[in-house]
Amino acid sequence: MGRALVGYLGRELGRYRLKDVAEHFKRDPAAISQGTRHIEEEIQKEGTLSKTVQRVKEKLTRGRKKKYLIT
């Protein structure tokens, strides 16, 4: 679950591709993708994981300037 959570946060906050996260952890991108989908499903349930992830996101972005991706 840890790698999947890093993949989720990397995509949400850092705009990292799951492929890049998978390469970093030397894992198959499909495995990271599946884990990330599982994290997203658990967050949608509004349980303990949802609250924990929200707190982690707040701590990681505290004091950080907002960046906008222009495509």
C-alpha atoms as a PDB file:
ATOM      1  CA  MET A   1       0.000   0.000   0.000  1.00  0.00           C
ATOM      2  CA  GLY A   2       2.938   2.344   0.633  1.00  0.00           C
ATOM      3  CA  ARG A   3       4.138   2.454  -2.972  1.00  0.00           C
ATOM      4  CA  ALA A   4       0.577   2.921  -4.184  1.00  0.00           C
ATOM      5  CA  LEU A   5       0.104   5.830  -1.798  1.00  0.00           C
ATOM      6  CA  VAL A   6       3.337   7.419  -3.023  1.00  0.00           C
ATOM      7  CA  GLY A   7       2.090   6.953  -6.589  1.00  0.00           C
ATOM      8  CA  TYR A   8      -1.216   8.589  -5.729  1.00  0.00           C
ATOM      9  CA  LEU A   9       0.392  11.543  -3.945  1.00  0.00           C
ATOM     10  CA  GLY A  10       3.030  11.918  -6.639  1.00  0.00           C
ATOM     11  CA  ARG A  11       0.368  12.132  -9.300  1.00  0.00           C
ATOM     12  CA  GLU A  12      -1.923  14.420  -7.304  1.00  0.00           C
ATOM     13  CA  LEU A  13       0.676  16.811  -5.929  1.00  0.00           C
ATOM     14  CA  GLY A  14       3.723  16.484  -8.122  1.00  0.00           C
ATOM     15  CA  ARG A  15       2.257  15.640 -11.502  1.00  0.00           C
ATOM     16  CA  TYR A  16       4.489  12.561 -11.701  1.00  0.00           C
ATOM     17  CA  ARG A  17       3.544   9.801 -14.094  1.00  0.00           C
ATOM     18  CA  LEU A  18       2.866   6.403 -12.578  1.00  0.00           C
ATOM     19  CA  LYS A  19       5.493   5.031 -14.942  1.00  0.00           C
ATOM     20  CA  ASP A  20       8.113   7.227 -13.258  1.00  0.00           C
ATOM     21  CA  VAL A  21       7.025   6.096  -9.794  1.00  0.00           C
ATOM     22  CA  ALA A  22       7.139   2.462 -10.927  1.00  0.00           C
ATOM     23  CA  GLU A  23      10.657   2.895 -12.304  1.00  0.00           C
ATOM     24  CA  HIS A  24      11.810   4.476  -9.046  1.00  0.00           C
ATOM     25  CA  PHE A  25      10.551   1.509  -7.018  1.00  0.00           C
ATOM     26  CA  LYS A  26      11.601  -1.004  -9.698  1.00  0.00           C
ATOM     27  CA  ARG A  27       8.041  -2.253 -10.074  1.00  0.00           C
ATOM     28  CA  ASP A  28       5.725  -2.867 -12.986  1.00  0.00           C
ATOM     29  CA  PRO A  29       3.654   0.227 -13.884  1.00  0.00           C
ATOM     30  CA  ALA A  30       0.508  -1.930 -13.907  1.00  0.00           C
ATOM     31  CA  ALA A  31       1.077  -2.874 -10.267  1.00  0.00           C
ATOM     32  CA  ILE A  32       1.473   0.767  -9.229  1.00  0.00           C
ATOM     33  CA  SER A  33      -1.589   1.707 -11.288  1.00  0.00           C
ATOM     34  CA  GLN A  34      -3.696  -1.017  -9.682  1.00  0.00           C
ATOM     35  CA  GLY A  35      -2.568   0.024  -6.210  1.00  0.00           C
ATOM     36  CA  THR A  36      -3.284   3.669  -6.974  1.00  0.00           C
ATOM     37  CA  ARG A  37      -6.806   2.796  -8.125  1.00  0.00           C
ATOM     38  CA  HIS A  38      -7.306   0.895  -4.864  1.00  0.00           C
ATOM     39  CA  ILE A  39      -6.173   3.963  -2.887  1.00  0.00           C
ATOM     40  CA  GLU A  40      -8.606   6.156  -4.855  1.00  0.00           C
ATOM     41  CA  GLU A  41     -11.475   3.745  -4.141  1.00  0.00           C
ATOM     42  CA  GLU A  42     -10.679   3.727  -0.422  1.00  0.00           C
ATOM     43  CA  ILE A  43     -10.511   7.532  -0.356  1.00  0.00           C
ATOM     44  CA  GLN A  44     -13.968   7.700  -1.972  1.00  0.00           C
ATOM     45  CA  LYS A  45     -15.366   5.669   0.937  1.00  0.00           C
ATOM     46  CA  GLU A  46     -14.551   8.608   3.268  1.00  0.00           C
ATOM     47  CA  GLY A  47     -12.980   6.369   5.876  1.00  0.00           C
ATOM     48  CA  THR A  48      -9.877   6.641   8.011  1.00  0.00           C
ATOM     49  CA  LEU A  49      -7.580   6.436   4.990  1.00  0.00           C
ATOM     50  CA  SER A  50      -9.309   9.426   3.413  1.00  0.00           C
ATOM     51  CA  LYS A  51      -8.683  11.576   6.475  1.00  0.00           C
ATOM     52  CA  THR A  52      -5.090  10.390   6.782  1.00  0.00           C
ATOM     53  CA  VAL A  53      -4.315  11.102   3.122  1.00  0.00           C
ATOM     54  CA  GLN A  54      -5.850  14.564   3.426  1.00  0.00           C
ATOM     55  CA  ARG A  55      -3.632  15.360   6.430  1.00  0.00           C
ATOM     56  CA  VAL A  56      -0.539  14.116   4.583  1.00  0.00           C
ATOM     57  CA  LYS A  57      -1.422  16.248   1.545  1.00  0.00           C
ATOM     58  CA  GLU A  58      -1.861  19.303   3.768  1.00  0.00           C
ATOM     59  CA  LYS A  59       1.500  18.746   5.463  1.00  0.00           C
ATOM     60  CA  LEU A  60       3.270  18.249   2.144  1.00  0.00           C
ATOM     61  CA  THR A  61       1.796  21.402   0.611  1.00  0.00           C
ATOM     62  CA  ARG A  62       1.922  23.697   3.650  1.00  0.00           C
ATOM     63  CA  GLY A  63       3.754  26.895   2.733  1.00  0.00           C
ATOM     64  CA  ARG A  64       4.201  25.805  -0.866  1.00  0.00           C
ATOM     65  CA  LYS A  65       3.248  28.137  -3.665  1.00  0.00           C
ATOM     66  CA  LYS A  66       0.579  26.871  -6.009  1.00  0.00           C
ATOM     67  CA  LYS A  67       1.934  25.816  -9.400  1.00  0.00           C
ATOM     68  CA  TYR A  68      -0.235  25.763 -12.463  1.00  0.00           C
ATOM     69  CA  LEU A  69       0.309  23.390 -15.348  1.00  0.00           C
ATOM     70  CA  ILE A  70      -0.188  25.138 -18.669  1.00  0.00           C
ATOM     71  CA  THR A  71      -0.697  22.849 -21.630  1.00  0.00           C
END
